[in-house]
Every structure is written in structure tokens, then in C-alpha cells.
Amino acid sequence: GATASDDIVANVLDVNARARTRSVLVL
């Protein structure tokens, strides 16, 4: 999972993030 704090918002760009991969691309 992911989250962010303060002024920044995190959006996961990887479509396969549900597949429990080791890394994800975040915007």
C-alpha cells in the first residue's frame, strides 16, 4: 500500500500493483 503526507498526494501508476510486486511507479 501507499500514502502521502502534508502537501503531497501519491498516486500509484502501475496497473499490476495488486500483484504484490516489489516496486511500483508513483506519481
PDB file of all heavy atoms in Angstrom:
ATOM      1  N   GLY A   1       0.824  -1.205   0.000  1.00  0.00           N
ATOM      2  CA  GLY A   1       0.000   0.000   0.000  1.00  0.00           C
ATOM      3  C   GLY A   1       0.856   1.251   0.000  1.00  0.00           C
ATOM      4  O   GLY A   1       2.065   1.186   0.184  1.00  0.00           O
ATOM      5  N   ALA A   2       0.205   2.400  -0.198  1.00  0.00           N
ATOM      6  CA  ALA A   2       0.927   3.675  -0.225  1.00  0.00           C
ATOM      7  C   ALA A   2       0.068   4.772   0.389  1.00  0.00           C
ATOM      8  O   ALA A   2      -1.155   4.673   0.441  1.00  0.00           O
ATOM      9  CB  ALA A   2       1.302   4.046  -1.654  1.00  0.00           C
ATOM     10  N   THR A   3       0.738   5.805   0.842  1.00  0.00           N
ATOM     11  CA  THR A   3       0.075   7.008   1.345  1.00  0.00           C
ATOM     12  C   THR A   3       1.074   8.159   1.252  1.00  0.00           C
ATOM     13  O   THR A   3       2.241   7.945   0.911  1.00  0.00           O
ATOM     14  CB  THR A   3      -0.439   6.813   2.791  1.00  0.00           C
ATOM     15  OG1 THR A   3      -1.301   7.902   3.131  1.00  0.00           O
ATOM     16  CG2 THR A   3       0.693   6.715   3.789  1.00  0.00           C
ATOM     17  N   ALA A   4       0.618   9.358   1.546  1.00  0.00           N
ATOM     18  CA  ALA A   4       1.492  10.532   1.491  1.00  0.00           C
ATOM     19  C   ALA A   4       1.104  11.489   2.610  1.00  0.00           C
ATOM     20  O   ALA A   4       0.069  11.327   3.257  1.00  0.00           O
ATOM     21  CB  ALA A   4       1.375  11.216   0.134  1.00  0.00           C
ATOM     22  N   SER A   5       1.949  12.500   2.837  1.00  0.00           N
ATOM     23  CA  SER A   5       1.697  13.454   3.913  1.00  0.00           C
ATOM     24  C   SER A   5       1.844  14.891   3.414  1.00  0.00           C
ATOM     25  O   SER A   5       2.385  15.141   2.343  1.00  0.00           O
ATOM     26  CB  SER A   5       2.682  13.215   5.067  1.00  0.00           C
ATOM     27  OG  SER A   5       3.993  13.582   4.668  1.00  0.00           O
ATOM     28  N   ASP A   6       1.366  15.810   4.224  1.00  0.00           N
ATOM     29  CA  ASP A   6       1.478  17.255   4.001  1.00  0.00           C
ATOM     30  C   ASP A   6       0.854  17.669   2.667  1.00  0.00           C
ATOM     31  O   ASP A   6      -0.279  17.317   2.399  1.00  0.00           O
ATOM     32  CB  ASP A   6       2.928  17.716   4.147  1.00  0.00           C
ATOM     33  CG  ASP A   6       3.491  17.387   5.524  1.00  0.00           C
ATOM     34  OD1 ASP A   6       2.739  17.468   6.507  1.00  0.00           O
ATOM     35  OD2 ASP A   6       4.678  17.020   5.602  1.00  0.00           O
ATOM     36  N   ASP A   7       1.611  18.388   1.814  1.00  0.00           N
ATOM     37  CA  ASP A   7       1.070  18.916   0.555  1.00  0.00           C
ATOM     38  C   ASP A   7       1.042  17.881  -0.568  1.00  0.00           C
ATOM     39  O   ASP A   7       0.407  18.100  -1.595  1.00  0.00           O
ATOM     40  CB  ASP A   7       1.927  20.100   0.064  1.00  0.00           C
ATOM     41  CG  ASP A   7       2.021  21.220   1.075  1.00  0.00           C
ATOM     42  OD1 ASP A   7       1.044  21.440   1.809  1.00  0.00           O
ATOM     43  OD2 ASP A   7       3.084  21.877   1.132  1.00  0.00           O
ATOM     44  N   ILE A   8       1.758  16.780  -0.405  1.00  0.00           N
ATOM     45  CA  ILE A   8       1.950  15.814  -1.490  1.00  0.00           C
ATOM     46  C   ILE A   8       0.873  14.735  -1.468  1.00  0.00           C
ATOM     47  O   ILE A   8       0.475  14.260  -0.407  1.00  0.00           O
ATOM     48  CB  ILE A   8       3.354  15.169  -1.380  1.00  0.00           C
ATOM     49  CG1 ILE A   8       4.444  16.250  -1.449  1.00  0.00           C
ATOM     50  CG2 ILE A   8       3.572  14.113  -2.450  1.00  0.00           C
ATOM     51  CD1 ILE A   8       4.489  17.034  -2.745  1.00  0.00           C
ATOM     52  N   VAL A   9       0.428  14.355  -2.654  1.00  0.00           N
ATOM     53  CA  VAL A   9      -0.530  13.263  -2.851  1.00  0.00           C
ATOM     54  C   VAL A   9       0.161  12.204  -3.700  1.00  0.00           C
ATOM     55  O   VAL A   9       0.793  12.533  -4.705  1.00  0.00           O
ATOM     56  CB  VAL A   9      -1.803  13.766  -3.564  1.00  0.00           C
ATOM     57  CG1 VAL A   9      -2.768  12.624  -3.830  1.00  0.00           C
ATOM     58  CG2 VAL A   9      -2.470  14.862  -2.759  1.00  0.00           C
ATOM     59  N   ALA A  10       0.046  10.927  -3.296  1.00  0.00           N
ATOM     60  CA  ALA A  10       0.685   9.831  -4.038  1.00  0.00           C
ATOM     61  C   ALA A  10      -0.356   9.067  -4.835  1.00  0.00           C
ATOM     62  O   ALA A  10      -1.378   8.655  -4.301  1.00  0.00           O
ATOM     63  CB  ALA A  10       1.402   8.889  -3.076  1.00  0.00           C
ATOM     64  N   ASN A  11      -0.083   8.876  -6.115  1.00  0.00           N
ATOM     65  CA  ASN A  11      -0.937   8.093  -6.998  1.00  0.00           C
ATOM     66  C   ASN A  11      -0.107   6.958  -7.588  1.00  0.00           C
ATOM     67  O   ASN A  11       0.926   7.216  -8.219  1.00  0.00           O
ATOM     68  CB  ASN A  11      -1.480   8.961  -8.136  1.00  0.00           C
ATOM     69  CG  ASN A  11      -2.313  10.106  -7.631  1.00  0.00           C
ATOM     70  OD1 ASN A  11      -3.346   9.884  -7.020  1.00  0.00           O
ATOM     71  ND2 ASN A  11      -1.850  11.324  -7.853  1.00  0.00           N
ATOM     72  N   VAL A  12      -0.543   5.727  -7.399  1.00  0.00           N
ATOM     73  CA  VAL A  12       0.183   4.573  -7.933  1.00  0.00           C
ATOM     74  C   VAL A  12      -0.163   4.438  -9.406  1.00  0.00           C
ATOM     75  O   VAL A  12      -1.336   4.352  -9.776  1.00  0.00           O
ATOM     76  CB  VAL A  12      -0.169   3.293  -7.152  1.00  0.00           C
ATOM     77  CG1 VAL A  12       0.533   2.094  -7.751  1.00  0.00           C
ATOM     78  CG2 VAL A  12       0.203   3.461  -5.689  1.00  0.00           C
ATOM     79  N   LEU A  13       0.866   4.425 -10.265  1.00  0.00           N
ATOM     80  CA  LEU A  13       0.662   4.361 -11.706  1.00  0.00           C
ATOM     81  C   LEU A  13       0.680   2.938 -12.252  1.00  0.00           C
ATOM     82  O   LEU A  13       0.143   2.698 -13.324  1.00  0.00           O
ATOM     83  CB  LEU A  13       1.728   5.195 -12.424  1.00  0.00           C
ATOM     84  CG  LEU A  13       1.711   6.688 -12.119  1.00  0.00           C
ATOM     85  CD1 LEU A  13       2.847   7.379 -12.852  1.00  0.00           C
ATOM     86  CD2 LEU A  13       0.389   7.302 -12.507  1.00  0.00           C
ATOM     87  N   ASP A  14       1.306   2.012 -11.557  1.00  0.00           N
ATOM     88  CA  ASP A  14       1.392   0.638 -12.046  1.00  0.00           C
ATOM     89  C   ASP A  14       0.033  -0.040 -11.978  1.00  0.00           C
ATOM     90  O   ASP A  14      -0.609  -0.078 -10.929  1.00  0.00           O
ATOM     91  CB  ASP A  14       2.401  -0.172 -11.227  1.00  0.00           C
ATOM     92  CG  ASP A  14       3.833   0.173 -11.565  1.00  0.00           C
ATOM     93  OD1 ASP A  14       4.060   0.742 -12.651  1.00  0.00           O
ATOM     94  OD2 ASP A  14       4.722  -0.124 -10.757  1.00  0.00           O
ATOM     95  N   VAL A  15      -0.391  -0.608 -13.082  1.00  0.00           N
ATOM     96  CA  VAL A  15      -1.674  -1.298 -13.139  1.00  0.00           C
ATOM     97  C   VAL A  15      -1.606  -2.611 -12.355  1.00  0.00           C
ATOM     98  O   VAL A  15      -2.585  -3.022 -11.752  1.00  0.00           O
ATOM     99  CB  VAL A  15      -2.049  -1.600 -14.609  1.00  0.00           C
ATOM    100  CG1 VAL A  15      -3.441  -2.195 -14.706  1.00  0.00           C
ATOM    101  CG2 VAL A  15      -1.949  -0.349 -15.448  1.00  0.00           C
ATOM    102  N   ASN A  16      -0.448  -3.237 -12.316  1.00  0.00           N
ATOM    103  CA  ASN A  16      -0.295  -4.540 -11.661  1.00  0.00           C
ATOM    104  C   ASN A  16       0.137  -4.427 -10.206  1.00  0.00           C
ATOM    105  O   ASN A  16       0.699  -5.362  -9.659  1.00  0.00           O
ATOM    106  CB  ASN A  16       0.704  -5.404 -12.426  1.00  0.00           C
ATOM    107  CG  ASN A  16       0.211  -5.727 -13.816  1.00  0.00           C
ATOM    108  OD1 ASN A  16      -0.981  -5.886 -14.023  1.00  0.00           O
ATOM    109  ND2 ASN A  16       1.122  -5.797 -14.758  1.00  0.00           N
ATOM    110  N   ALA A  17      -0.103  -3.295  -9.558  1.00  0.00           N
ATOM    111  CA  ALA A  17       0.307  -3.116  -8.163  1.00  0.00           C
ATOM    112  C   ALA A  17      -0.398  -4.107  -7.242  1.00  0.00           C
ATOM    113  O   ALA A  17       0.101  -4.445  -6.187  1.00  0.00           O
ATOM    114  CB  ALA A  17       0.026  -1.696  -7.703  1.00  0.00           C
ATOM    115  N   ARG A  18      -1.572  -4.598  -7.643  1.00  0.00           N
ATOM    116  CA  ARG A  18      -2.286  -5.582  -6.835  1.00  0.00           C
ATOM    117  C   ARG A  18      -1.564  -6.921  -6.799  1.00  0.00           C
ATOM    118  O   ARG A  18      -1.845  -7.760  -5.975  1.00  0.00           O
ATOM    119  CB  ARG A  18      -3.690  -5.780  -7.398  1.00  0.00           C
ATOM    120  CG  ARG A  18      -4.534  -4.534  -7.345  1.00  0.00           C
ATOM    121  CD  ARG A  18      -5.905  -4.789  -7.948  1.00  0.00           C
ATOM    122  NE  ARG A  18      -5.853  -5.270  -9.325  1.00  0.00           N
ATOM    123  CZ  ARG A  18      -5.741  -4.513 -10.403  1.00  0.00           C
ATOM    124  NH1 ARG A  18      -5.635  -3.214 -10.258  1.00  0.00           N
ATOM    125  NH2 ARG A  18      -5.728  -5.007 -11.600  1.00  0.00           N
ATOM    126  N   ALA A  19      -0.632  -7.130  -7.708  1.00  0.00           N
ATOM    127  CA  ALA A  19       0.045  -8.419  -7.828  1.00  0.00           C
ATOM    128  C   ALA A  19       1.155  -8.593  -6.791  1.00  0.00           C
ATOM    129  O   ALA A  19       1.931  -9.524  -6.887  1.00  0.00           O
ATOM    130  CB  ALA A  19       0.618  -8.581  -9.227  1.00  0.00           C
ATOM    131  N   ARG A  20       1.213  -7.705  -5.792  1.00  0.00           N
ATOM    132  CA  ARG A  20       2.223  -7.768  -4.740  1.00  0.00           C
ATOM    133  C   ARG A  20       3.644  -7.806  -5.322  1.00  0.00           C
ATOM    134  O   ARG A  20       4.424  -8.689  -5.026  1.00  0.00           O
ATOM    135  CB  ARG A  20       1.963  -8.943  -3.814  1.00  0.00           C
ATOM    136  CG  ARG A  20       0.620  -8.862  -3.125  1.00  0.00           C
ATOM    137  CD  ARG A  20       0.545  -9.863  -1.992  1.00  0.00           C
ATOM    138  NE  ARG A  20      -0.801 -10.041  -1.514  1.00  0.00           N
ATOM    139  CZ  ARG A  20      -1.390  -9.276  -0.617  1.00  0.00           C
ATOM    140  NH1 ARG A  20      -0.768  -8.248  -0.124  1.00  0.00           N
ATOM    141  NH2 ARG A  20      -2.609  -9.521  -0.216  1.00  0.00           N
ATOM    142  N   THR A  21       3.923  -6.810  -6.130  1.00  0.00           N
ATOM    143  CA  THR A  21       5.252  -6.670  -6.704  1.00  0.00           C
ATOM    144  C   THR A  21       6.184  -5.999  -5.703  1.00  0.00           C
ATOM    145  O   THR A  21       5.745  -5.460  -4.697  1.00  0.00           O
ATOM    146  CB  THR A  21       5.190  -5.814  -7.989  1.00  0.00           C
ATOM    147  OG1 THR A  21       4.639  -4.548  -7.662  1.00  0.00           O
ATOM    148  CG2 THR A  21       4.364  -6.489  -9.055  1.00  0.00           C
ATOM    149  N   ARG A  22       7.461  -6.019  -5.995  1.00  0.00           N
ATOM    150  CA  ARG A  22       8.436  -5.434  -5.081  1.00  0.00           C
ATOM    151  C   ARG A  22       8.526  -3.923  -5.226  1.00  0.00           C
ATOM    152  O   ARG A  22       8.848  -3.209  -4.279  1.00  0.00           O
ATOM    153  CB  ARG A  22       9.808  -6.062  -5.335  1.00  0.00           C
ATOM    154  CG  ARG A  22      10.836  -5.602  -4.331  1.00  0.00           C
ATOM    155  CD  ARG A  22      12.080  -6.449  -4.347  1.00  0.00           C
ATOM    156  NE  ARG A  22      13.094  -5.764  -3.574  1.00  0.00           N
ATOM    157  CZ  ARG A  22      14.297  -5.471  -4.019  1.00  0.00           C
ATOM    158  NH1 ARG A  22      14.668  -5.858  -5.213  1.00  0.00           N
ATOM    159  NH2 ARG A  22      15.140  -4.833  -3.259  1.00  0.00           N
ATOM    160  N   SER A  23       8.234  -3.403  -6.411  1.00  0.00           N
ATOM    161  CA  SER A  23       8.304  -1.954  -6.598  1.00  0.00           C
ATOM    162  C   SER A  23       7.133  -1.480  -7.461  1.00  0.00           C
ATOM    163  O   SER A  23       6.606  -2.221  -8.283  1.00  0.00           O
ATOM    164  CB  SER A  23       9.631  -1.553  -7.236  1.00  0.00           C
ATOM    165  OG  SER A  23       9.693  -1.998  -8.567  1.00  0.00           O
ATOM    166  N   VAL A  24       6.749  -0.225  -7.231  1.00  0.00           N
ATOM    167  CA  VAL A  24       5.672   0.388  -8.002  1.00  0.00           C
ATOM    168  C   VAL A  24       6.100   1.785  -8.430  1.00  0.00           C
ATOM    169  O   VAL A  24       6.932   2.425  -7.792  1.00  0.00           O
ATOM    170  CB  VAL A  24       4.351   0.476  -7.202  1.00  0.00           C
ATOM    171  CG1 VAL A  24       3.806  -0.898  -6.892  1.00  0.00           C
ATOM    172  CG2 VAL A  24       4.520   1.284  -5.953  1.00  0.00           C
ATOM    173  N   LEU A  25       5.511   2.242  -9.521  1.00  0.00           N
ATOM    174  CA  LEU A  25       5.744   3.593 -10.011  1.00  0.00           C
ATOM    175  C   LEU A  25       4.714   4.509  -9.365  1.00  0.00           C
ATOM    176  O   LEU A  25       3.513   4.232  -9.408  1.00  0.00           O
ATOM    177  CB  LEU A  25       5.625   3.629 -11.534  1.00  0.00           C
ATOM    178  CG  LEU A  25       6.010   4.920 -12.219  1.00  0.00           C
ATOM    179  CD1 LEU A  25       7.479   5.252 -11.969  1.00  0.00           C
ATOM    180  CD2 LEU A  25       5.744   4.811 -13.703  1.00  0.00           C
ATOM    181  N   VAL A  26       5.181   5.595  -8.755  1.00  0.00           N
ATOM    182  CA  VAL A  26       4.306   6.514  -8.023  1.00  0.00           C
ATOM    183  C   VAL A  26       4.413   7.899  -8.646  1.00  0.00           C
ATOM    184  O   VAL A  26       5.504   8.356  -8.995  1.00  0.00           O
ATOM    185  CB  VAL A  26       4.720   6.576  -6.533  1.00  0.00           C
ATOM    186  CG1 VAL A  26       3.937   7.626  -5.783  1.00  0.00           C
ATOM    187  CG2 VAL A  26       4.550   5.223  -5.883  1.00  0.00           C
ATOM    188  N   LEU A  27       3.274   8.570  -8.786  1.00  0.00           N
ATOM    189  CA  LEU A  27       3.241   9.951  -9.243  1.00  0.00           C
ATOM    190  C   LEU A  27       2.944  10.830  -8.037  1.00  0.00           C
ATOM    191  O   LEU A  27       1.918  10.668  -7.377  1.00  0.00           O
ATOM    192  CB  LEU A  27       2.160  10.154 -10.315  1.00  0.00           C
ATOM    193  CG  LEU A  27       2.010  11.576 -10.847  1.00  0.00           C
ATOM    194  CD1 LEU A  27       3.257  11.981 -11.630  1.00  0.00           C
ATOM    195  CD2 LEU A  27       0.779  11.678 -11.721  1.00  0.00           C
TER     196      LEU A  27
END
